[in-house]
């Protein structure tokens, strides 16, 4: 039987979704950043990927979702944030960590809807000091954002003539995009979903992915320890993060949040338009 080429995200927050899958002979598992997972799926180099949710609308043909598992939040997410050295309404440019296209789209949508601005996007590697040298604000995601202490960032003297709009304390403000989304909409946000080509999964494969999620969620402390086996301080942060910030259920509220995000993204011209959400069939015990 042909193995399913499965593309997963290497970040901590995705690890509960792949719990034990590396020991399943049905799957050929690889890890990448979210944007690369999407690129591999679009190129048909993998069959199913844990892709940024916005990429569901950007494939060469409609994909199917795996029902149930996803990376979501309702309120603070801790690992997806805008860091700004100016007041949010004064942001004119954002240095974007482009490893997750959903987070870039979310930052763009919320800058417009929450702050009334349409900033220039500046693609950059996730180095906060370097980013804030180039732009008013920075988008950083994933493990880098989770452990970033933005209070220690030293801003270089402003030589652009825009010092009047710097916040008065000269400090960097962190805007948690999970909080901002839920405060604005009352809905959860969906960051990543299992999606794939229509013929990629059998119902029993869908069950394996659902069961992996269930087992991973039941052992998030073990996931955190395996991810940081020799760093107790980071392990403690990871345990709290997986317990308190990240959710893994793609339920009715999450689907409504996803549809809302797609509608807002289409209004901003980030995608052509929303599509019907289509799912792989699950087995009776899935």
C-alpha atoms as a PDB file:
ATOM      1  CA  UNK A   1       0.000   0.000   0.000  1.00  0.00           C
ATOM      2  CA  UNK A   2       1.315   3.452  -0.937  1.00  0.00           C
ATOM      3  CA  UNK A   3       2.338   5.546   2.057  1.00  0.00           C
ATOM      4  CA  UNK A   4       0.722   8.935   2.585  1.00  0.00           C
ATOM      5  CA  UNK A   5       3.235  11.769   2.259  1.00  0.00           C
ATOM      6  CA  UNK A   6       2.405  13.913   5.278  1.00  0.00           C
ATOM      7  CA  UNK A   7       3.854  17.397   5.728  1.00  0.00           C
ATOM      8  CA  UNK A   8       3.807  18.671   9.308  1.00  0.00           C
ATOM      9  CA  UNK A   9       4.888  21.887  10.989  1.00  0.00           C
ATOM     10  CA  UNK A  10       7.955  21.696  13.194  1.00  0.00           C
ATOM     11  CA  UNK A  11       6.779  24.273  15.739  1.00  0.00           C
ATOM     12  CA  UNK A  12       5.926  23.264  19.300  1.00  0.00           C
ATOM     13  CA  UNK A  13       2.245  24.099  18.892  1.00  0.00           C
ATOM     14  CA  UNK A  14       1.806  21.508  16.124  1.00  0.00           C
ATOM     15  CA  UNK A  15       3.459  18.599  17.922  1.00  0.00           C
ATOM     16  CA  UNK A  16       0.308  17.299  19.668  1.00  0.00           C
ATOM     17  CA  UNK A  17      -1.272  16.820  16.230  1.00  0.00           C
ATOM     18  CA  UNK A  18       1.452  14.420  15.071  1.00  0.00           C
ATOM     19  CA  UNK A  19       1.724  12.457  18.306  1.00  0.00           C
ATOM     20  CA  UNK A  20       2.970   8.982  17.412  1.00  0.00           C
ATOM     21  CA  UNK A  21       2.530   9.414  13.664  1.00  0.00           C
ATOM     22  CA  UNK A  22       6.241   8.843  13.044  1.00  0.00           C
ATOM     23  CA  UNK A  23       5.653   5.265  14.219  1.00  0.00           C
ATOM     24  CA  UNK A  24       2.722   4.695  11.865  1.00  0.00           C
ATOM     25  CA  UNK A  25       3.826   2.819   8.718  1.00  0.00           C
ATOM     26  CA  UNK A  26       0.943   4.419   6.828  1.00  0.00           C
ATOM     27  CA  UNK A  27       2.577   7.871   6.895  1.00  0.00           C
ATOM     28  CA  UNK A  28       5.822   9.256   5.509  1.00  0.00           C
ATOM     29  CA  UNK A  29       6.232  12.265   7.824  1.00  0.00           C
ATOM     30  CA  UNK A  30       8.376  15.361   7.278  1.00  0.00           C
ATOM     31  CA  UNK A  31       8.640  18.703   9.135  1.00  0.00           C
ATOM     32  CA  UNK A  32       8.837  22.200   7.667  1.00  0.00           C
ATOM     33  CA  UNK A  33       7.769  25.750   8.457  1.00  0.00           C
ATOM     34  CA  UNK A  34       4.070  26.391   7.659  1.00  0.00           C
ATOM     35  CA  UNK A  35       4.680  28.276   4.421  1.00  0.00           C
ATOM     36  CA  UNK A  36       6.848  25.432   3.091  1.00  0.00           C
ATOM     37  CA  UNK A  37       4.163  22.881   3.998  1.00  0.00           C
ATOM     38  CA  UNK A  38       1.766  24.866   1.839  1.00  0.00           C
ATOM     39  CA  UNK A  39       4.242  25.164  -1.035  1.00  0.00           C
ATOM     40  CA  UNK A  40       4.896  21.417  -0.976  1.00  0.00           C
ATOM     41  CA  UNK A  41       1.178  20.630  -1.005  1.00  0.00           C
ATOM     42  CA  UNK A  42       0.476  23.057  -3.853  1.00  0.00           C
ATOM     43  CA  UNK A  43       3.284  21.404  -5.844  1.00  0.00           C
ATOM     44  CA  UNK A  44       1.851  17.939  -5.060  1.00  0.00           C
ATOM     45  CA  UNK A  45       5.121  16.948  -3.391  1.00  0.00           C
ATOM     46  CA  UNK A  46       3.128  15.890  -0.326  1.00  0.00           C
ATOM     47  CA  UNK A  47      -0.387  14.447  -0.189  1.00  0.00           C
ATOM     48  CA  UNK A  48      -1.629  16.107   3.000  1.00  0.00           C
ATOM     49  CA  UNK A  49      -0.148  19.047   4.877  1.00  0.00           C
ATOM     50  CA  UNK A  50      -0.664  20.957   8.089  1.00  0.00           C
ATOM     51  CA  UNK A  51      -0.970  24.183   6.148  1.00  0.00           C
ATOM     52  CA  UNK A  52      -1.681  27.806   7.094  1.00  0.00           C
ATOM     53  CA  UNK A  53      -5.461  28.123   6.983  1.00  0.00           C
ATOM     54  CA  UNK A  54      -5.327  30.918   4.373  1.00  0.00           C
ATOM     55  CA  UNK A  55      -3.613  28.518   1.953  1.00  0.00           C
ATOM     56  CA  UNK A  56      -6.795  26.451   1.651  1.00  0.00           C
ATOM     57  CA  UNK A  57      -7.957  29.215  -0.704  1.00  0.00           C
ATOM     58  CA  UNK A  58      -4.722  29.343  -2.696  1.00  0.00           C
ATOM     59  CA  UNK A  59      -4.274  25.792  -3.911  1.00  0.00           C
ATOM     60  CA  UNK A  60      -4.309  24.817  -7.584  1.00  0.00           C
ATOM     61  CA  UNK A  61      -7.601  23.005  -6.926  1.00  0.00           C
ATOM     62  CA  UNK A  62      -9.926  22.681  -3.929  1.00  0.00           C
ATOM     63  CA  UNK A  63      -8.492  20.639  -1.081  1.00  0.00           C
ATOM     64  CA  UNK A  64     -10.329  18.672   1.590  1.00  0.00           C
ATOM     65  CA  UNK A  65     -10.001  19.322   5.325  1.00  0.00           C
ATOM     66  CA  UNK A  66      -9.424  16.577   7.855  1.00  0.00           C
ATOM     67  CA  UNK A  67     -12.416  16.990  10.190  1.00  0.00           C
ATOM     68  CA  UNK A  68     -11.588  17.669  13.823  1.00  0.00           C
ATOM     69  CA  UNK A  69      -7.879  18.485  14.346  1.00  0.00           C
ATOM     70  CA  UNK A  70      -6.464  21.990  13.835  1.00  0.00           C
ATOM     71  CA  UNK A  71      -4.240  24.575  15.527  1.00  0.00           C
ATOM     72  CA  UNK A  72      -6.542  27.221  17.015  1.00  0.00           C
ATOM     73  CA  UNK A  73      -6.910  29.688  19.872  1.00  0.00           C
ATOM     74  CA  UNK A  74      -9.673  31.569  21.616  1.00  0.00           C
ATOM     75  CA  UNK A  75      -8.061  34.578  23.234  1.00  0.00           C
ATOM     76  CA  UNK A  76      -4.323  35.015  23.830  1.00  0.00           C
ATOM     77  CA  UNK A  77      -2.196  32.768  21.633  1.00  0.00           C
ATOM     78  CA  UNK A  78       1.211  34.024  22.899  1.00  0.00           C
ATOM     79  CA  UNK A  79       3.082  32.926  19.760  1.00  0.00           C
ATOM     80  CA  UNK A  80       1.636  35.199  17.052  1.00  0.00           C
ATOM     81  CA  UNK A  81       2.148  38.890  17.695  1.00  0.00           C
ATOM     82  CA  UNK A  82       2.821  42.328  16.296  1.00  0.00           C
ATOM     83  CA  UNK A  83       5.575  44.210  18.122  1.00  0.00           C
ATOM     84  CA  UNK A  84       5.368  47.939  17.579  1.00  0.00           C
ATOM     85  CA  UNK A  85       7.510  50.919  18.487  1.00  0.00           C
ATOM     86  CA  UNK A  86       4.731  53.374  17.564  1.00  0.00           C
ATOM     87  CA  UNK A  87       1.091  53.646  18.476  1.00  0.00           C
ATOM     88  CA  UNK A  88      -0.921  51.060  16.495  1.00  0.00           C
ATOM     89  CA  UNK A  89      -2.862  53.748  14.586  1.00  0.00           C
ATOM     90  CA  UNK A  90       0.493  55.194  13.445  1.00  0.00           C
ATOM     91  CA  UNK A  91       1.953  51.986  11.999  1.00  0.00           C
ATOM     92  CA  UNK A  92       2.985  52.615   8.395  1.00  0.00           C
ATOM     93  CA  UNK A  93       5.177  49.547   7.836  1.00  0.00           C
ATOM     94  CA  UNK A  94       5.374  46.045   9.319  1.00  0.00           C
ATOM     95  CA  UNK A  95       8.389  43.774   8.943  1.00  0.00           C
ATOM     96  CA  UNK A  96       6.772  40.387   8.324  1.00  0.00           C
ATOM     97  CA  UNK A  97       8.083  36.998   9.389  1.00  0.00           C
ATOM     98  CA  UNK A  98       6.732  35.216   6.301  1.00  0.00           C
ATOM     99  CA  UNK A  99       7.107  31.636   7.584  1.00  0.00           C
ATOM    100  CA  UNK A 100       3.339  31.544   8.198  1.00  0.00           C
ATOM    101  CA  UNK A 101       1.127  33.045   5.528  1.00  0.00           C
ATOM    102  CA  UNK A 102      -1.956  32.906   7.752  1.00  0.00           C
ATOM    103  CA  UNK A 103      -0.263  35.135  10.333  1.00  0.00           C
ATOM    104  CA  UNK A 104       0.731  37.616   7.620  1.00  0.00           C
ATOM    105  CA  UNK A 105      -2.859  37.710   6.392  1.00  0.00           C
ATOM    106  CA  UNK A 106      -4.184  38.036   9.952  1.00  0.00           C
ATOM    107  CA  UNK A 107      -1.808  40.928  10.697  1.00  0.00           C
ATOM    108  CA  UNK A 108      -2.887  42.667   7.492  1.00  0.00           C
ATOM    109  CA  UNK A 109      -6.588  42.160   8.216  1.00  0.00           C
ATOM    110  CA  UNK A 110      -6.387  43.318  11.825  1.00  0.00           C
ATOM    111  CA  UNK A 111      -4.201  46.344  11.052  1.00  0.00           C
ATOM    112  CA  UNK A 112      -6.976  47.552   8.785  1.00  0.00           C
ATOM    113  CA  UNK A 113      -9.985  46.530  10.860  1.00  0.00           C
ATOM    114  CA  UNK A 114      -8.684  47.267  14.371  1.00  0.00           C
ATOM    115  CA  UNK A 115      -6.298  50.172  13.767  1.00  0.00           C
ATOM    116  CA  UNK A 116      -7.550  51.687  10.518  1.00  0.00           C
ATOM    117  CA  UNK A 117      -4.149  51.446   8.794  1.00  0.00           C
ATOM    118  CA  UNK A 118      -2.820  49.688   5.693  1.00  0.00           C
ATOM    119  CA  UNK A 119       0.903  49.344   6.371  1.00  0.00           C
ATOM    120  CA  UNK A 120       3.582  48.386   3.887  1.00  0.00           C
ATOM    121  CA  UNK A 121       4.732  44.780   4.339  1.00  0.00           C
ATOM    122  CA  UNK A 122       8.508  44.276   4.551  1.00  0.00           C
ATOM    123  CA  UNK A 123       9.520  40.569   4.385  1.00  0.00           C
ATOM    124  CA  UNK A 124      12.305  39.837   6.870  1.00  0.00           C
ATOM    125  CA  UNK A 125      13.807  37.104   9.011  1.00  0.00           C
ATOM    126  CA  UNK A 126      12.436  37.047  12.586  1.00  0.00           C
ATOM    127  CA  UNK A 127      14.980  39.286  14.336  1.00  0.00           C
ATOM    128  CA  UNK A 128      13.057  41.904  16.302  1.00  0.00           C
ATOM    129  CA  UNK A 129      15.796  44.533  16.636  1.00  0.00           C
ATOM    130  CA  UNK A 130      16.664  44.309  12.943  1.00  0.00           C
ATOM    131  CA  UNK A 131      12.984  44.396  11.988  1.00  0.00           C
ATOM    132  CA  UNK A 132      12.296  47.500  14.043  1.00  0.00           C
ATOM    133  CA  UNK A 133      15.260  49.190  12.430  1.00  0.00           C
ATOM    134  CA  UNK A 134      13.553  48.771   9.069  1.00  0.00           C
ATOM    135  CA  UNK A 135       9.879  49.195  10.002  1.00  0.00           C
ATOM    136  CA  UNK A 136       7.496  50.675  12.555  1.00  0.00           C
ATOM    137  CA  UNK A 137       6.369  47.236  13.693  1.00  0.00           C
ATOM    138  CA  UNK A 138       7.205  43.559  13.326  1.00  0.00           C
ATOM    139  CA  UNK A 139       5.212  40.354  12.999  1.00  0.00           C
ATOM    140  CA  UNK A 140       6.881  37.363  14.666  1.00  0.00           C
ATOM    141  CA  UNK A 141       5.374  33.908  15.108  1.00  0.00           C
ATOM    142  CA  UNK A 142       5.968  30.451  16.482  1.00  0.00           C
ATOM    143  CA  UNK A 143       8.663  29.396  18.922  1.00  0.00           C
ATOM    144  CA  UNK A 144      10.621  32.624  18.379  1.00  0.00           C
ATOM    145  CA  UNK A 145       7.649  34.732  19.491  1.00  0.00           C
ATOM    146  CA  UNK A 146       6.836  32.435  22.404  1.00  0.00           C
ATOM    147  CA  UNK A 147      10.230  32.991  24.032  1.00  0.00           C
ATOM    148  CA  UNK A 148      10.914  36.538  22.876  1.00  0.00           C
ATOM    149  CA  UNK A 149      11.371  39.101  25.666  1.00  0.00           C
ATOM    150  CA  UNK A 150      10.441  42.274  23.838  1.00  0.00           C
ATOM    151  CA  UNK A 151      11.063  44.414  26.945  1.00  0.00           C
ATOM    152  CA  UNK A 152      14.828  44.043  26.485  1.00  0.00           C
ATOM    153  CA  UNK A 153      14.888  45.276  22.882  1.00  0.00           C
ATOM    154  CA  UNK A 154      17.055  48.345  22.451  1.00  0.00           C
ATOM    155  CA  UNK A 155      15.748  50.727  19.845  1.00  0.00           C
ATOM    156  CA  UNK A 156      18.296  52.734  17.920  1.00  0.00           C
ATOM    157  CA  UNK A 157      17.933  56.525  17.957  1.00  0.00           C
ATOM    158  CA  UNK A 158      15.282  57.666  15.498  1.00  0.00           C
ATOM    159  CA  UNK A 159      16.889  59.428  12.546  1.00  0.00           C
ATOM    160  CA  UNK A 160      13.809  59.378  10.311  1.00  0.00           C
ATOM    161  CA  UNK A 161      12.133  62.465  11.691  1.00  0.00           C
ATOM    162  CA  UNK A 162       9.156  60.453  12.970  1.00  0.00           C
ATOM    163  CA  UNK A 163      10.092  60.445  16.663  1.00  0.00           C
ATOM    164  CA  UNK A 164       6.927  62.342  17.525  1.00  0.00           C
ATOM    165  CA  UNK A 165       4.837  59.246  16.933  1.00  0.00           C
ATOM    166  CA  UNK A 166       6.991  56.853  18.971  1.00  0.00           C
ATOM    167  CA  UNK A 167       5.215  55.730  22.120  1.00  0.00           C
ATOM    168  CA  UNK A 168       6.179  57.920  25.020  1.00  0.00           C
ATOM    169  CA  UNK A 169       8.029  55.289  27.018  1.00  0.00           C
ATOM    170  CA  UNK A 170      10.183  54.359  24.019  1.00  0.00           C
ATOM    171  CA  UNK A 171       9.256  50.740  24.702  1.00  0.00           C
ATOM    172  CA  UNK A 172       8.130  48.023  22.340  1.00  0.00           C
ATOM    173  CA  UNK A 173       4.477  47.040  22.681  1.00  0.00           C
ATOM    174  CA  UNK A 174       3.373  43.455  22.043  1.00  0.00           C
ATOM    175  CA  UNK A 175      -0.055  43.008  20.446  1.00  0.00           C
ATOM    176  CA  UNK A 176      -1.209  39.397  20.730  1.00  0.00           C
ATOM    177  CA  UNK A 177      -3.104  38.691  17.522  1.00  0.00           C
ATOM    178  CA  UNK A 178      -5.116  35.858  19.054  1.00  0.00           C
ATOM    179  CA  UNK A 179      -6.463  38.261  21.674  1.00  0.00           C
ATOM    180  CA  UNK A 180      -7.055  40.989  19.129  1.00  0.00           C
ATOM    181  CA  UNK A 181      -9.027  38.653  16.846  1.00  0.00           C
ATOM    182  CA  UNK A 182     -11.235  37.218  19.588  1.00  0.00           C
ATOM    183  CA  UNK A 183     -11.825  40.628  21.185  1.00  0.00           C
ATOM    184  CA  UNK A 184     -12.856  41.979  17.783  1.00  0.00           C
ATOM    185  CA  UNK A 185     -15.018  39.088  16.582  1.00  0.00           C
ATOM    186  CA  UNK A 186     -15.947  37.026  19.624  1.00  0.00           C
ATOM    187  CA  UNK A 187     -14.702  33.966  17.722  1.00  0.00           C
ATOM    188  CA  UNK A 188     -11.749  31.559  17.848  1.00  0.00           C
ATOM    189  CA  UNK A 189      -9.012  31.826  15.258  1.00  0.00           C
ATOM    190  CA  UNK A 190      -7.785  28.926  13.120  1.00  0.00           C
ATOM    191  CA  UNK A 191      -4.075  29.073  12.299  1.00  0.00           C
ATOM    192  CA  UNK A 192      -3.440  25.726  10.627  1.00  0.00           C
ATOM    193  CA  UNK A 193      -5.452  22.791   9.303  1.00  0.00           C
ATOM    194  CA  UNK A 194      -4.771  19.361   7.903  1.00  0.00           C
ATOM    195  CA  UNK A 195      -5.710  19.635   4.228  1.00  0.00           C
ATOM    196  CA  UNK A 196      -4.927  17.557   1.196  1.00  0.00           C
ATOM    197  CA  UNK A 197      -5.690  16.292  -2.251  1.00  0.00           C
ATOM    198  CA  UNK A 198      -9.115  14.719  -2.627  1.00  0.00           C
ATOM    199  CA  UNK A 199      -7.864  11.148  -3.105  1.00  0.00           C
ATOM    200  CA  UNK A 200      -5.144  11.294  -0.438  1.00  0.00           C
ATOM    201  CA  UNK A 201      -6.839   9.774   2.618  1.00  0.00           C
ATOM    202  CA  UNK A 202      -9.121   6.865   3.370  1.00  0.00           C
ATOM    203  CA  UNK A 203     -11.595   7.155   6.292  1.00  0.00           C
ATOM    204  CA  UNK A 204      -9.308   5.008   8.441  1.00  0.00           C
ATOM    205  CA  UNK A 205      -6.420   7.428   7.725  1.00  0.00           C
ATOM    206  CA  UNK A 206      -8.597  10.289   8.926  1.00  0.00           C
ATOM    207  CA  UNK A 207      -9.200   8.328  12.124  1.00  0.00           C
ATOM    208  CA  UNK A 208      -5.452   7.919  12.638  1.00  0.00           C
ATOM    209  CA  UNK A 209      -4.968  11.701  12.432  1.00  0.00           C
ATOM    210  CA  UNK A 210      -7.865  12.314  14.800  1.00  0.00           C
ATOM    211  CA  UNK A 211      -6.571   9.767  17.304  1.00  0.00           C
ATOM    212  CA  UNK A 212      -3.055  11.237  17.121  1.00  0.00           C
ATOM    213  CA  UNK A 213      -4.543  14.605  18.082  1.00  0.00           C
ATOM    214  CA  UNK A 214      -6.469  13.070  20.987  1.00  0.00           C
ATOM    215  CA  UNK A 215      -3.395  11.293  22.327  1.00  0.00           C
ATOM    216  CA  UNK A 216      -1.212  14.385  21.913  1.00  0.00           C
ATOM    217  CA  UNK A 217      -3.671  16.640  23.705  1.00  0.00           C
ATOM    218  CA  UNK A 218      -3.871  14.109  26.547  1.00  0.00           C
ATOM    219  CA  UNK A 219      -0.066  14.270  26.969  1.00  0.00           C
ATOM    220  CA  UNK A 220       0.907  17.881  26.323  1.00  0.00           C
ATOM    221  CA  UNK A 221       3.329  17.797  29.274  1.00  0.00           C
ATOM    222  CA  UNK A 222       5.098  14.881  27.625  1.00  0.00           C
ATOM    223  CA  UNK A 223       5.131  16.755  24.309  1.00  0.00           C
ATOM    224  CA  UNK A 224       6.726  19.779  25.978  1.00  0.00           C
ATOM    225  CA  UNK A 225       9.351  17.638  27.692  1.00  0.00           C
ATOM    226  CA  UNK A 226      10.245  15.857  24.447  1.00  0.00           C
ATOM    227  CA  UNK A 227      10.565  19.213  22.671  1.00  0.00           C
ATOM    228  CA  UNK A 228      12.806  20.753  25.384  1.00  0.00           C
ATOM    229  CA  UNK A 229      14.391  17.706  27.074  1.00  0.00           C
ATOM    230  CA  UNK A 230      17.357  19.609  28.530  1.00  0.00           C
ATOM    231  CA  UNK A 231      15.860  23.040  29.190  1.00  0.00           C
ATOM    232  CA  UNK A 232      13.555  23.000  32.248  1.00  0.00           C
ATOM    233  CA  UNK A 233      12.756  26.723  32.007  1.00  0.00           C
ATOM    234  CA  UNK A 234      11.562  26.477  28.407  1.00  0.00           C
ATOM    235  CA  UNK A 235       9.814  23.213  29.146  1.00  0.00           C
ATOM    236  CA  UNK A 236       7.759  24.945  31.853  1.00  0.00           C
ATOM    237  CA  UNK A 237       6.763  27.730  29.451  1.00  0.00           C
ATOM    238  CA  UNK A 238       5.906  25.163  26.785  1.00  0.00           C
ATOM    239  CA  UNK A 239       3.684  23.218  29.170  1.00  0.00           C
ATOM    240  CA  UNK A 240       1.684  26.340  30.076  1.00  0.00           C
ATOM    241  CA  UNK A 241       1.449  27.353  26.437  1.00  0.00           C
ATOM    242  CA  UNK A 242       0.108  24.006  25.228  1.00  0.00           C
ATOM    243  CA  UNK A 243      -2.305  23.852  28.172  1.00  0.00           C
ATOM    244  CA  UNK A 244      -3.566  27.450  28.262  1.00  0.00           C
ATOM    245  CA  UNK A 245      -3.137  29.030  24.818  1.00  0.00           C
ATOM    246  CA  UNK A 246      -3.409  26.505  22.002  1.00  0.00           C
ATOM    247  CA  UNK A 247      -6.519  24.510  21.169  1.00  0.00           C
ATOM    248  CA  UNK A 248      -6.810  21.611  18.780  1.00  0.00           C
ATOM    249  CA  UNK A 249     -10.510  21.248  17.918  1.00  0.00           C
ATOM    250  CA  UNK A 250     -12.022  22.421  14.641  1.00  0.00           C
ATOM    251  CA  UNK A 251     -15.595  22.732  15.888  1.00  0.00           C
ATOM    252  CA  UNK A 252     -18.561  24.851  14.868  1.00  0.00           C
ATOM    253  CA  UNK A 253     -17.236  28.052  16.490  1.00  0.00           C
ATOM    254  CA  UNK A 254     -13.826  27.564  14.889  1.00  0.00           C
ATOM    255  CA  UNK A 255     -15.383  27.020  11.481  1.00  0.00           C
ATOM    256  CA  UNK A 256     -17.375  30.225  11.904  1.00  0.00           C
ATOM    257  CA  UNK A 257     -14.154  32.014  12.821  1.00  0.00           C
ATOM    258  CA  UNK A 258     -12.474  30.546   9.740  1.00  0.00           C
ATOM    259  CA  UNK A 259     -15.287  31.656   7.434  1.00  0.00           C
ATOM    260  CA  UNK A 260     -15.137  35.138   8.955  1.00  0.00           C
ATOM    261  CA  UNK A 261     -11.373  35.298   8.406  1.00  0.00           C
ATOM    262  CA  UNK A 262     -11.774  34.200   4.810  1.00  0.00           C
ATOM    263  CA  UNK A 263     -14.399  36.879   4.232  1.00  0.00           C
ATOM    264  CA  UNK A 264     -12.209  39.597   5.745  1.00  0.00           C
ATOM    265  CA  UNK A 265      -9.164  38.401   3.762  1.00  0.00           C
ATOM    266  CA  UNK A 266     -11.181  38.528   0.545  1.00  0.00           C
ATOM    267  CA  UNK A 267     -12.316  42.068   1.376  1.00  0.00           C
ATOM    268  CA  UNK A 268      -8.653  43.061   1.730  1.00  0.00           C
ATOM    269  CA  UNK A 269      -7.790  41.463  -1.621  1.00  0.00           C
ATOM    270  CA  UNK A 270      -5.582  38.796  -0.031  1.00  0.00           C
ATOM    271  CA  UNK A 271      -7.528  35.926  -1.621  1.00  0.00           C
ATOM    272  CA  UNK A 272      -9.869  35.753  -4.572  1.00  0.00           C
ATOM    273  CA  UNK A 273     -12.839  34.747  -2.462  1.00  0.00           C
ATOM    274  CA  UNK A 274     -14.180  32.214  -0.028  1.00  0.00           C
ATOM    275  CA  UNK A 275     -14.826  28.618  -1.057  1.00  0.00           C
ATOM    276  CA  UNK A 276     -17.094  25.994   0.412  1.00  0.00           C
ATOM    277  CA  UNK A 277     -15.358  24.087   3.202  1.00  0.00           C
ATOM    278  CA  UNK A 278     -15.061  20.447   2.135  1.00  0.00           C
ATOM    279  CA  UNK A 279     -13.949  17.521   4.312  1.00  0.00           C
ATOM    280  CA  UNK A 280     -12.492  14.060   3.973  1.00  0.00           C
ATOM    281  CA  UNK A 281     -15.008  11.406   5.009  1.00  0.00           C
ATOM    282  CA  UNK A 282     -14.337   9.978   8.447  1.00  0.00           C
ATOM    283  CA  UNK A 283     -14.857   6.409   9.586  1.00  0.00           C
ATOM    284  CA  UNK A 284     -17.725   5.585  11.905  1.00  0.00           C
ATOM    285  CA  UNK A 285     -15.463   5.617  14.964  1.00  0.00           C
ATOM    286  CA  UNK A 286     -13.658   8.838  13.913  1.00  0.00           C
END
